[in-house]
Amino acid sequence: SNVLSTAVLGWVMIRFSNIQHVWLTFLAIGFCGGFST
């Protein structure tokens, strides 16, 4: 879970740092925060 979450977070932050703030919040803080442990 932690490895997959880190991969998702890294991909999102590097590739999509310019997307709307609410989507970045959804993916980085919400999804990855819930997925990692």
Full PDB file with SEQRES, HELIX, SHEET, SSBOND, CRYST1, ORIGX, SCALE, CONECT and MASTER records, all heavy atoms in Angstrom:
SEQRES   1 A   37  SER ASN VAL LEU SER THR ALA VAL LEU GLY TRP VAL MET          
SEQRES   2 A   37  ILE ARG PHE SER ASN ILE GLN HIS VAL TRP LEU THR PHE          
SEQRES   3 A   37  LEU ALA ILE GLY PHE CYS GLY GLY PHE SER THR                  
HELIX    1 AA1 ASN A    2  ARG A   15  1                                  14    
HELIX    2 AA2 HIS A   21  LEU A   24  1                                   4    
HELIX    3 AA3 THR A   25  PHE A   31  3                                   7    
HELIX    4 AA4 CYS A   32  PHE A   35  1                                   4    
CRYST1    1.000    1.000    1.000  90.00  90.00  90.00 P 1           1          
ORIGX1      1.000000  0.000000  0.000000        0.00000                         
ORIGX2      0.000000  1.000000  0.000000        0.00000                         
ORIGX3      0.000000  0.000000  1.000000        0.00000                         
SCALE1      1.000000  0.000000  0.000000        0.00000                         
SCALE2      0.000000  1.000000  0.000000        0.00000                         
SCALE3      0.000000  0.000000  1.000000        0.00000                         
ATOM      1  N   SER A   1       0.825  -1.212   0.000  1.00  0.00           N  
ATOM      2  CA  SER A   1       0.000   0.000   0.000  1.00  0.00           C  
ATOM      3  C   SER A   1       0.855   1.256   0.000  1.00  0.00           C  
ATOM      4  O   SER A   1       0.577   2.203  -0.741  1.00  0.00           O  
ATOM      5  CB  SER A   1      -0.921   0.026   1.228  1.00  0.00           C  
ATOM      6  OG  SER A   1      -1.877  -0.986   1.156  1.00  0.00           O  
ATOM      7  N   ASN A   2       1.878   1.269   0.822  1.00  0.00           N  
ATOM      8  CA  ASN A   2       2.728   2.461   0.915  1.00  0.00           C  
ATOM      9  C   ASN A   2       3.534   2.689  -0.363  1.00  0.00           C  
ATOM     10  O   ASN A   2       3.701   3.832  -0.801  1.00  0.00           O  
ATOM     11  CB  ASN A   2       3.643   2.375   2.132  1.00  0.00           C  
ATOM     12  CG  ASN A   2       2.887   2.600   3.421  1.00  0.00           C  
ATOM     13  OD1 ASN A   2       1.789   3.144   3.429  1.00  0.00           O  
ATOM     14  ND2 ASN A   2       3.462   2.165   4.521  1.00  0.00           N  
ATOM     15  N   VAL A   3       4.012   1.617  -0.973  1.00  0.00           N  
ATOM     16  CA  VAL A   3       4.772   1.753  -2.222  1.00  0.00           C  
ATOM     17  C   VAL A   3       3.850   2.254  -3.335  1.00  0.00           C  
ATOM     18  O   VAL A   3       4.201   3.179  -4.077  1.00  0.00           O  
ATOM     19  CB  VAL A   3       5.449   0.413  -2.591  1.00  0.00           C  
ATOM     20  CG1 VAL A   3       5.935   0.411  -4.022  1.00  0.00           C  
ATOM     21  CG2 VAL A   3       6.599   0.119  -1.639  1.00  0.00           C  
ATOM     22  N   LEU A   4       2.679   1.664  -3.461  1.00  0.00           N  
ATOM     23  CA  LEU A   4       1.730   2.107  -4.493  1.00  0.00           C  
ATOM     24  C   LEU A   4       1.295   3.550  -4.263  1.00  0.00           C  
ATOM     25  O   LEU A   4       1.215   4.346  -5.199  1.00  0.00           O  
ATOM     26  CB  LEU A   4       0.512   1.184  -4.524  1.00  0.00           C  
ATOM     27  CG  LEU A   4       0.751  -0.205  -5.114  1.00  0.00           C  
ATOM     28  CD1 LEU A   4      -0.476  -1.094  -4.884  1.00  0.00           C  
ATOM     29  CD2 LEU A   4       1.075  -0.114  -6.586  1.00  0.00           C  
ATOM     30  N   SER A   5       1.021   3.895  -3.030  1.00  0.00           N  
ATOM     31  CA  SER A   5       0.610   5.261  -2.703  1.00  0.00           C  
ATOM     32  C   SER A   5       1.724   6.258  -3.017  1.00  0.00           C  
ATOM     33  O   SER A   5       1.459   7.345  -3.540  1.00  0.00           O  
ATOM     34  CB  SER A   5       0.218   5.358  -1.236  1.00  0.00           C  
ATOM     35  OG  SER A   5      -0.109   6.681  -0.907  1.00  0.00           O  
ATOM     36  N   THR A   6       2.950   5.894  -2.700  1.00  0.00           N  
ATOM     37  CA  THR A   6       4.085   6.763  -3.002  1.00  0.00           C  
ATOM     38  C   THR A   6       4.228   6.958  -4.507  1.00  0.00           C  
ATOM     39  O   THR A   6       4.486   8.073  -4.976  1.00  0.00           O  
ATOM     40  CB  THR A   6       5.387   6.177  -2.415  1.00  0.00           C  
ATOM     41  OG1 THR A   6       5.257   6.100  -1.000  1.00  0.00           O  
ATOM     42  CG2 THR A   6       6.594   7.022  -2.774  1.00  0.00           C  
ATOM     43  N   ALA A   7       4.039   5.880  -5.266  1.00  0.00           N  
ATOM     44  CA  ALA A   7       4.129   5.978  -6.726  1.00  0.00           C  
ATOM     45  C   ALA A   7       3.037   6.900  -7.266  1.00  0.00           C  
ATOM     46  O   ALA A   7       3.301   7.758  -8.120  1.00  0.00           O  
ATOM     47  CB  ALA A   7       4.026   4.592  -7.355  1.00  0.00           C  
ATOM     48  N   VAL A   8       1.822   6.757  -6.760  1.00  0.00           N  
ATOM     49  CA  VAL A   8       0.722   7.623  -7.199  1.00  0.00           C  
ATOM     50  C   VAL A   8       1.010   9.069  -6.820  1.00  0.00           C  
ATOM     51  O   VAL A   8       0.871   9.979  -7.643  1.00  0.00           O  
ATOM     52  CB  VAL A   8      -0.626   7.155  -6.609  1.00  0.00           C  
ATOM     53  CG1 VAL A   8      -1.728   8.171  -6.857  1.00  0.00           C  
ATOM     54  CG2 VAL A   8      -1.025   5.796  -7.168  1.00  0.00           C  
ATOM     55  N   LEU A   9       1.432   9.297  -5.587  1.00  0.00           N  
ATOM     56  CA  LEU A   9       1.725  10.653  -5.136  1.00  0.00           C  
ATOM     57  C   LEU A   9       2.845  11.285  -5.964  1.00  0.00           C  
ATOM     58  O   LEU A   9       2.733  12.432  -6.397  1.00  0.00           O  
ATOM     59  CB  LEU A   9       2.094  10.663  -3.654  1.00  0.00           C  
ATOM     60  CG  LEU A   9       2.444  12.027  -3.068  1.00  0.00           C  
ATOM     61  CD1 LEU A   9       1.238  12.959  -3.108  1.00  0.00           C  
ATOM     62  CD2 LEU A   9       2.954  11.885  -1.651  1.00  0.00           C  
ATOM     63  N   GLY A  10       3.911  10.543  -6.179  1.00  0.00           N  
ATOM     64  CA  GLY A  10       5.019  11.071  -6.972  1.00  0.00           C  
ATOM     65  C   GLY A  10       4.583  11.406  -8.383  1.00  0.00           C  
ATOM     66  O   GLY A  10       4.892  12.481  -8.912  1.00  0.00           O  
ATOM     67  N   TRP A  11       3.834  10.523  -8.997  1.00  0.00           N  
ATOM     68  CA  TRP A  11       3.351  10.738 -10.362  1.00  0.00           C  
ATOM     69  C   TRP A  11       2.444  11.957 -10.425  1.00  0.00           C  
ATOM     70  O   TRP A  11       2.593  12.806 -11.298  1.00  0.00           O  
ATOM     71  CB  TRP A  11       2.638   9.476 -10.832  1.00  0.00           C  
ATOM     72  CG  TRP A  11       2.171   9.520 -12.245  1.00  0.00           C  
ATOM     73  CD1 TRP A  11       2.952   9.512 -13.371  1.00  0.00           C  
ATOM     74  CD2 TRP A  11       0.827   9.599 -12.679  1.00  0.00           C  
ATOM     75  NE1 TRP A  11       2.152   9.563 -14.479  1.00  0.00           N  
ATOM     76  CE2 TRP A  11       0.838   9.610 -14.092  1.00  0.00           C  
ATOM     77  CE3 TRP A  11      -0.399   9.630 -12.020  1.00  0.00           C  
ATOM     78  CZ2 TRP A  11      -0.313   9.669 -14.844  1.00  0.00           C  
ATOM     79  CZ3 TRP A  11      -1.555   9.679 -12.785  1.00  0.00           C  
ATOM     80  CH2 TRP A  11      -1.506   9.713 -14.174  1.00  0.00           C  
ATOM     81  N   VAL A  12       1.517  12.063  -9.476  1.00  0.00           N  
ATOM     82  CA  VAL A  12       0.580  13.192  -9.451  1.00  0.00           C  
ATOM     83  C   VAL A  12       1.330  14.508  -9.233  1.00  0.00           C  
ATOM     84  O   VAL A  12       1.097  15.484  -9.951  1.00  0.00           O  
ATOM     85  CB  VAL A  12      -0.497  12.997  -8.358  1.00  0.00           C  
ATOM     86  CG1 VAL A  12      -1.237  14.286  -8.059  1.00  0.00           C  
ATOM     87  CG2 VAL A  12      -1.471  11.904  -8.773  1.00  0.00           C  
ATOM     88  N   MET A  13       2.220  14.541  -8.264  1.00  0.00           N  
ATOM     89  CA  MET A  13       2.908  15.788  -7.930  1.00  0.00           C  
ATOM     90  C   MET A  13       3.860  16.238  -9.030  1.00  0.00           C  
ATOM     91  O   MET A  13       4.016  17.432  -9.258  1.00  0.00           O  
ATOM     92  CB  MET A  13       3.665  15.643  -6.607  1.00  0.00           C  
ATOM     93  CG  MET A  13       2.759  15.409  -5.414  1.00  0.00           C  
ATOM     94  SD  MET A  13       1.476  16.664  -5.203  1.00  0.00           S  
ATOM     95  CE  MET A  13       2.443  18.067  -4.737  1.00  0.00           C  
ATOM     96  N   ILE A  14       4.480  15.304  -9.705  1.00  0.00           N  
ATOM     97  CA  ILE A  14       5.443  15.671 -10.739  1.00  0.00           C  
ATOM     98  C   ILE A  14       4.748  15.961 -12.065  1.00  0.00           C  
ATOM     99  O   ILE A  14       5.076  16.928 -12.746  1.00  0.00           O  
ATOM    100  CB  ILE A  14       6.518  14.573 -10.882  1.00  0.00           C  
ATOM    101  CG1 ILE A  14       7.402  14.590  -9.635  1.00  0.00           C  
ATOM    102  CG2 ILE A  14       7.347  14.773 -12.148  1.00  0.00           C  
ATOM    103  CD1 ILE A  14       8.320  13.417  -9.477  1.00  0.00           C  
ATOM    104  N   ARG A  15       3.776  15.168 -12.425  1.00  0.00           N  
ATOM    105  CA  ARG A  15       3.127  15.317 -13.728  1.00  0.00           C  
ATOM    106  C   ARG A  15       1.959  16.298 -13.728  1.00  0.00           C  
ATOM    107  O   ARG A  15       1.653  16.871 -14.760  1.00  0.00           O  
ATOM    108  CB  ARG A  15       2.624  13.956 -14.227  1.00  0.00           C  
ATOM    109  CG  ARG A  15       3.701  12.903 -14.324  1.00  0.00           C  
ATOM    110  CD  ARG A  15       4.568  13.061 -15.505  1.00  0.00           C  
ATOM    111  NE  ARG A  15       3.836  12.552 -16.655  1.00  0.00           N  
ATOM    112  CZ  ARG A  15       4.132  12.833 -17.894  1.00  0.00           C  
ATOM    113  NH1 ARG A  15       5.144  13.604 -18.151  1.00  0.00           N  
ATOM    114  NH2 ARG A  15       3.445  12.354 -18.883  1.00  0.00           N  
ATOM    115  N   PHE A  16       1.306  16.465 -12.579  1.00  0.00           N  
ATOM    116  CA  PHE A  16       0.072  17.247 -12.561  1.00  0.00           C  
ATOM    117  C   PHE A  16       0.075  18.365 -11.530  1.00  0.00           C  
ATOM    118  O   PHE A  16      -0.974  18.738 -11.015  1.00  0.00           O  
ATOM    119  CB  PHE A  16      -1.134  16.332 -12.313  1.00  0.00           C  
ATOM    120  CG  PHE A  16      -1.302  15.295 -13.368  1.00  0.00           C  
ATOM    121  CD1 PHE A  16      -0.975  13.977 -13.121  1.00  0.00           C  
ATOM    122  CD2 PHE A  16      -1.778  15.635 -14.621  1.00  0.00           C  
ATOM    123  CE1 PHE A  16      -1.127  13.012 -14.104  1.00  0.00           C  
ATOM    124  CE2 PHE A  16      -1.934  14.686 -15.611  1.00  0.00           C  
ATOM    125  CZ  PHE A  16      -1.604  13.367 -15.350  1.00  0.00           C  
ATOM    126  N   SER A  17       1.228  18.895 -11.220  1.00  0.00           N  
ATOM    127  CA  SER A  17       1.286  19.963 -10.220  1.00  0.00           C  
ATOM    128  C   SER A  17       0.582  21.231 -10.688  1.00  0.00           C  
ATOM    129  O   SER A  17       0.288  22.110  -9.889  1.00  0.00           O  
ATOM    130  CB  SER A  17       2.734  20.268  -9.851  1.00  0.00           C  
ATOM    131  OG  SER A  17       3.448  20.689 -10.986  1.00  0.00           O  
ATOM    132  N   ASN A  18       0.277  21.311 -11.979  1.00  0.00           N  
ATOM    133  CA  ASN A  18      -0.388  22.502 -12.512  1.00  0.00           C  
ATOM    134  C   ASN A  18      -1.909  22.341 -12.637  1.00  0.00           C  
ATOM    135  O   ASN A  18      -2.569  23.229 -13.144  1.00  0.00           O  
ATOM    136  CB  ASN A  18       0.209  22.875 -13.873  1.00  0.00           C  
ATOM    137  CG  ASN A  18       0.048  21.762 -14.889  1.00  0.00           C  
ATOM    138  OD1 ASN A  18      -0.244  20.624 -14.535  1.00  0.00           O  
ATOM    139  ND2 ASN A  18       0.269  22.088 -16.140  1.00  0.00           N  
ATOM    140  N   ILE A  19      -2.477  21.219 -12.173  1.00  0.00           N  
ATOM    141  CA  ILE A  19      -3.933  21.048 -12.259  1.00  0.00           C  
ATOM    142  C   ILE A  19      -4.612  21.881 -11.177  1.00  0.00           C  
ATOM    143  O   ILE A  19      -3.956  22.378 -10.257  1.00  0.00           O  
ATOM    144  CB  ILE A  19      -4.363  19.567 -12.159  1.00  0.00           C  
ATOM    145  CG1 ILE A  19      -4.027  18.970 -10.788  1.00  0.00           C  
ATOM    146  CG2 ILE A  19      -3.789  18.753 -13.283  1.00  0.00           C  
ATOM    147  CD1 ILE A  19      -4.569  17.571 -10.579  1.00  0.00           C  
ATOM    148  N   GLN A  20      -5.914  22.002 -11.282  1.00  0.00           N  
ATOM    149  CA  GLN A  20      -6.672  22.789 -10.307  1.00  0.00           C  
ATOM    150  C   GLN A  20      -6.384  22.300  -8.894  1.00  0.00           C  
ATOM    151  O   GLN A  20      -6.286  21.098  -8.640  1.00  0.00           O  
ATOM    152  CB  GLN A  20      -8.169  22.689 -10.580  1.00  0.00           C  
ATOM    153  CG  GLN A  20      -8.629  23.484 -11.751  1.00  0.00           C  
ATOM    154  CD  GLN A  20     -10.142  23.407 -11.879  1.00  0.00           C  
ATOM    155  OE1 GLN A  20     -10.780  22.466 -11.458  1.00  0.00           O  
ATOM    156  NE2 GLN A  20     -10.703  24.439 -12.490  1.00  0.00           N  
ATOM    157  N   HIS A  21      -6.297  23.250  -7.997  1.00  0.00           N  
ATOM    158  CA  HIS A  21      -5.925  22.952  -6.616  1.00  0.00           C  
ATOM    159  C   HIS A  21      -6.842  21.914  -5.964  1.00  0.00           C  
ATOM    160  O   HIS A  21      -6.371  21.053  -5.229  1.00  0.00           O  
ATOM    161  CB  HIS A  21      -5.905  24.244  -5.790  1.00  0.00           C  
ATOM    162  CG  HIS A  21      -5.366  24.063  -4.418  1.00  0.00           C  
ATOM    163  ND1 HIS A  21      -4.050  23.721  -4.186  1.00  0.00           N  
ATOM    164  CD2 HIS A  21      -5.966  24.155  -3.209  1.00  0.00           C  
ATOM    165  CE1 HIS A  21      -3.863  23.618  -2.882  1.00  0.00           C  
ATOM    166  NE2 HIS A  21      -4.993  23.885  -2.270  1.00  0.00           N  
ATOM    167  N   VAL A  22      -8.123  21.950  -6.240  1.00  0.00           N  
ATOM    168  CA  VAL A  22      -9.046  21.013  -5.597  1.00  0.00           C  
ATOM    169  C   VAL A  22      -8.769  19.575  -6.047  1.00  0.00           C  
ATOM    170  O   VAL A  22      -8.863  18.636  -5.257  1.00  0.00           O  
ATOM    171  CB  VAL A  22     -10.523  21.422  -5.817  1.00  0.00           C  
ATOM    172  CG1 VAL A  22     -10.958  21.207  -7.247  1.00  0.00           C  
ATOM    173  CG2 VAL A  22     -11.443  20.699  -4.854  1.00  0.00           C  
ATOM    174  N   TRP A  23      -8.370  19.377  -7.308  1.00  0.00           N  
ATOM    175  CA  TRP A  23      -8.042  18.028  -7.784  1.00  0.00           C  
ATOM    176  C   TRP A  23      -6.726  17.544  -7.194  1.00  0.00           C  
ATOM    177  O   TRP A  23      -6.580  16.362  -6.862  1.00  0.00           O  
ATOM    178  CB  TRP A  23      -8.001  17.982  -9.309  1.00  0.00           C  
ATOM    179  CG  TRP A  23      -9.366  17.993  -9.894  1.00  0.00           C  
ATOM    180  CD1 TRP A  23      -9.976  19.035 -10.546  1.00  0.00           C  
ATOM    181  CD2 TRP A  23     -10.320  16.937  -9.848  1.00  0.00           C  
ATOM    182  NE1 TRP A  23     -11.252  18.679 -10.915  1.00  0.00           N  
ATOM    183  CE2 TRP A  23     -11.486  17.387 -10.501  1.00  0.00           C  
ATOM    184  CE3 TRP A  23     -10.312  15.658  -9.327  1.00  0.00           C  
ATOM    185  CZ2 TRP A  23     -12.632  16.604 -10.631  1.00  0.00           C  
ATOM    186  CZ3 TRP A  23     -11.442  14.866  -9.464  1.00  0.00           C  
ATOM    187  CH2 TRP A  23     -12.577  15.335 -10.106  1.00  0.00           C  
ATOM    188  N   LEU A  24      -5.775  18.439  -7.076  1.00  0.00           N  
ATOM    189  CA  LEU A  24      -4.505  18.084  -6.447  1.00  0.00           C  
ATOM    190  C   LEU A  24      -4.736  17.717  -4.979  1.00  0.00           C  
ATOM    191  O   LEU A  24      -4.162  16.756  -4.477  1.00  0.00           O  
ATOM    192  CB  LEU A  24      -3.519  19.246  -6.576  1.00  0.00           C  
ATOM    193  CG  LEU A  24      -2.050  18.936  -6.385  1.00  0.00           C  
ATOM    194  CD1 LEU A  24      -1.579  17.849  -7.330  1.00  0.00           C  
ATOM    195  CD2 LEU A  24      -1.225  20.185  -6.586  1.00  0.00           C  
ATOM    196  N   THR A  25      -5.596  18.474  -4.318  1.00  0.00           N  
ATOM    197  CA  THR A  25      -5.957  18.171  -2.930  1.00  0.00           C  
ATOM    198  C   THR A  25      -6.634  16.814  -2.840  1.00  0.00           C  
ATOM    199  O   THR A  25      -6.332  16.009  -1.959  1.00  0.00           O  
ATOM    200  CB  THR A  25      -6.889  19.279  -2.376  1.00  0.00           C  
ATOM    201  OG1 THR A  25      -6.205  20.523  -2.456  1.00  0.00           O  
ATOM    202  CG2 THR A  25      -7.279  19.013  -0.947  1.00  0.00           C  
ATOM    203  N   PHE A  26      -7.560  16.552  -3.757  1.00  0.00           N  
ATOM    204  CA  PHE A  26      -8.271  15.270  -3.803  1.00  0.00           C  
ATOM    205  C   PHE A  26      -7.290  14.106  -3.945  1.00  0.00           C  
ATOM    206  O   PHE A  26      -7.362  13.130  -3.189  1.00  0.00           O  
ATOM    207  CB  PHE A  26      -9.263  15.269  -4.970  1.00  0.00           C  
ATOM    208  CG  PHE A  26      -9.847  13.925  -5.293  1.00  0.00           C  
ATOM    209  CD1 PHE A  26     -10.895  13.414  -4.551  1.00  0.00           C  
ATOM    210  CD2 PHE A  26      -9.347  13.180  -6.348  1.00  0.00           C  
ATOM    211  CE1 PHE A  26     -11.435  12.164  -4.852  1.00  0.00           C  
ATOM    212  CE2 PHE A  26      -9.877  11.934  -6.657  1.00  0.00           C  
ATOM    213  CZ  PHE A  26     -10.932  11.431  -5.908  1.00  0.00           C  
ATOM    214  N   LEU A  27      -6.361  14.224  -4.896  1.00  0.00           N  
ATOM    215  CA  LEU A  27      -5.443  13.124  -5.183  1.00  0.00           C  
ATOM    216  C   LEU A  27      -4.318  13.007  -4.155  1.00  0.00           C  
ATOM    217  O   LEU A  27      -4.062  11.921  -3.625  1.00  0.00           O  
ATOM    218  CB  LEU A  27      -4.843  13.302  -6.583  1.00  0.00           C  
ATOM    219  CG  LEU A  27      -5.809  13.101  -7.738  1.00  0.00           C  
ATOM    220  CD1 LEU A  27      -5.186  13.585  -9.046  1.00  0.00           C  
ATOM    221  CD2 LEU A  27      -6.227  11.652  -7.849  1.00  0.00           C  
ATOM    222  N   ALA A  28      -3.634  14.111  -3.897  1.00  0.00           N  
ATOM    223  CA  ALA A  28      -2.436  14.057  -3.057  1.00  0.00           C  
ATOM    224  C   ALA A  28      -2.766  13.908  -1.575  1.00  0.00           C  
ATOM    225  O   ALA A  28      -2.255  13.010  -0.903  1.00  0.00           O  
ATOM    226  CB  ALA A  28      -1.579  15.300  -3.282  1.00  0.00           C  
ATOM    227  N   ILE A  29      -3.613  14.776  -1.062  1.00  0.00           N  
ATOM    228  CA  ILE A  29      -3.922  14.733   0.367  1.00  0.00           C  
ATOM    229  C   ILE A  29      -4.975  13.667   0.671  1.00  0.00           C  
ATOM    230  O   ILE A  29      -4.807  12.839   1.562  1.00  0.00           O  
ATOM    231  CB  ILE A  29      -4.388  16.110   0.875  1.00  0.00           C  
ATOM    232  CG1 ILE A  29      -3.266  17.129   0.696  1.00  0.00           C  
ATOM    233  CG2 ILE A  29      -4.833  16.036   2.333  1.00  0.00           C  
ATOM    234  CD1 ILE A  29      -3.682  18.564   0.976  1.00  0.00           C  
ATOM    235  N   GLY A  30      -6.063  13.680  -0.103  1.00  0.00           N  
ATOM    236  CA  GLY A  30      -7.153  12.757   0.157  1.00  0.00           C  
ATOM    237  C   GLY A  30      -6.822  11.323  -0.189  1.00  0.00           C  
ATOM    238  O   GLY A  30      -6.661  10.468   0.689  1.00  0.00           O  
ATOM    239  N   PHE A  31      -6.695  11.036  -1.495  1.00  0.00           N  
ATOM    240  CA  PHE A  31      -6.510   9.655  -1.943  1.00  0.00           C  
ATOM    241  C   PHE A  31      -5.225   9.041  -1.398  1.00  0.00           C  
ATOM    242  O   PHE A  31      -5.252   7.972  -0.790  1.00  0.00           O  
ATOM    243  CB  PHE A  31      -6.529   9.571  -3.471  1.00  0.00           C  
ATOM    244  CG  PHE A  31      -6.398   8.168  -3.969  1.00  0.00           C  
ATOM    245  CD1 PHE A  31      -7.493   7.324  -3.972  1.00  0.00           C  
ATOM    246  CD2 PHE A  31      -5.175   7.677  -4.394  1.00  0.00           C  
ATOM    247  CE1 PHE A  31      -7.371   6.001  -4.400  1.00  0.00           C  
ATOM    248  CE2 PHE A  31      -5.040   6.367  -4.831  1.00  0.00           C  
ATOM    249  CZ  PHE A  31      -6.142   5.533  -4.830  1.00  0.00           C  
ATOM    250  N   CYS A  32      -4.086   9.707  -1.615  1.00  0.00           N  
ATOM    251  CA  CYS A  32      -2.814   9.142  -1.165  1.00  0.00           C  
ATOM    252  C   CYS A  32      -2.716   9.089   0.357  1.00  0.00           C  
ATOM    253  O   CYS A  32      -2.127   8.164   0.915  1.00  0.00           O  
ATOM    254  CB  CYS A  32      -1.643   9.909  -1.766  1.00  0.00           C  
ATOM    255  SG  CYS A  32      -1.481   9.635  -3.540  1.00  0.00           S  
ATOM    256  N   GLY A  33      -3.316  10.073   1.019  1.00  0.00           N  
ATOM    257  CA  GLY A  33      -3.338  10.045   2.484  1.00  0.00           C  
ATOM    258  C   GLY A  33      -4.145   8.877   3.020  1.00  0.00           C  
ATOM    259  O   GLY A  33      -3.778   8.243   4.014  1.00  0.00           O  
ATOM    260  N   GLY A  34      -5.251   8.555   2.350  1.00  0.00           N  
ATOM    261  CA  GLY A  34      -6.058   7.410   2.763  1.00  0.00           C  
ATOM    262  C   GLY A  34      -5.454   6.082   2.357  1.00  0.00           C  
ATOM    263  O   GLY A  34      -5.652   5.060   3.014  1.00  0.00           O  
ATOM    264  N   PHE A  35      -4.722   6.079   1.253  1.00  0.00           N  
ATOM    265  CA  PHE A  35      -4.143   4.846   0.721  1.00  0.00           C  
ATOM    266  C   PHE A  35      -2.880   4.443   1.488  1.00  0.00           C  
ATOM    267  O   PHE A  35      -2.637   3.271   1.731  1.00  0.00           O  
ATOM    268  CB  PHE A  35      -3.842   5.052  -0.762  1.00  0.00           C  
ATOM    269  CG  PHE A  35      -3.536   3.805  -1.539  1.00  0.00           C  
ATOM    270  CD1 PHE A  35      -3.718   2.538  -1.025  1.00  0.00           C  
ATOM    271  CD2 PHE A  35      -3.072   3.905  -2.835  1.00  0.00           C  
ATOM    272  CE1 PHE A  35      -3.440   1.406  -1.769  1.00  0.00           C  
ATOM    273  CE2 PHE A  35      -2.790   2.786  -3.601  1.00  0.00           C  
ATOM    274  CZ  PHE A  35      -2.980   1.529  -3.059  1.00  0.00           C  
ATOM    275  N   SER A  36      -2.063   5.413   1.858  1.00  0.00           N  
ATOM    276  CA  SER A  36      -0.836   5.099   2.596  1.00  0.00           C  
ATOM    277  C   SER A  36      -1.160   4.946   4.072  1.00  0.00           C  
ATOM    278  O   SER A  36      -2.204   5.368   4.546  1.00  0.00           O  
ATOM    279  CB  SER A  36       0.210   6.194   2.388  1.00  0.00           C  
ATOM    280  OG  SER A  36      -0.234   7.405   2.945  1.00  0.00           O  
ATOM    281  N   THR A  37      -0.241   4.354   4.803  1.00  0.00           N  
ATOM    282  CA  THR A  37      -0.548   4.066   6.197  1.00  0.00           C  
ATOM    283  C   THR A  37       0.705   4.035   7.063  1.00  0.00           C  
ATOM    284  O   THR A  37       1.256   2.985   7.332  1.00  0.00           O  
ATOM    285  CB  THR A  37      -1.338   2.748   6.300  1.00  0.00           C  
ATOM    286  OG1 THR A  37      -1.508   2.422   7.661  1.00  0.00           O  
ATOM    287  CG2 THR A  37      -0.672   1.608   5.568  1.00  0.00           C  
TER     288      THR A  37                                                      
MASTER        0    0    0    4    0    0    0    6  287    1    0    3          
END                                                                             
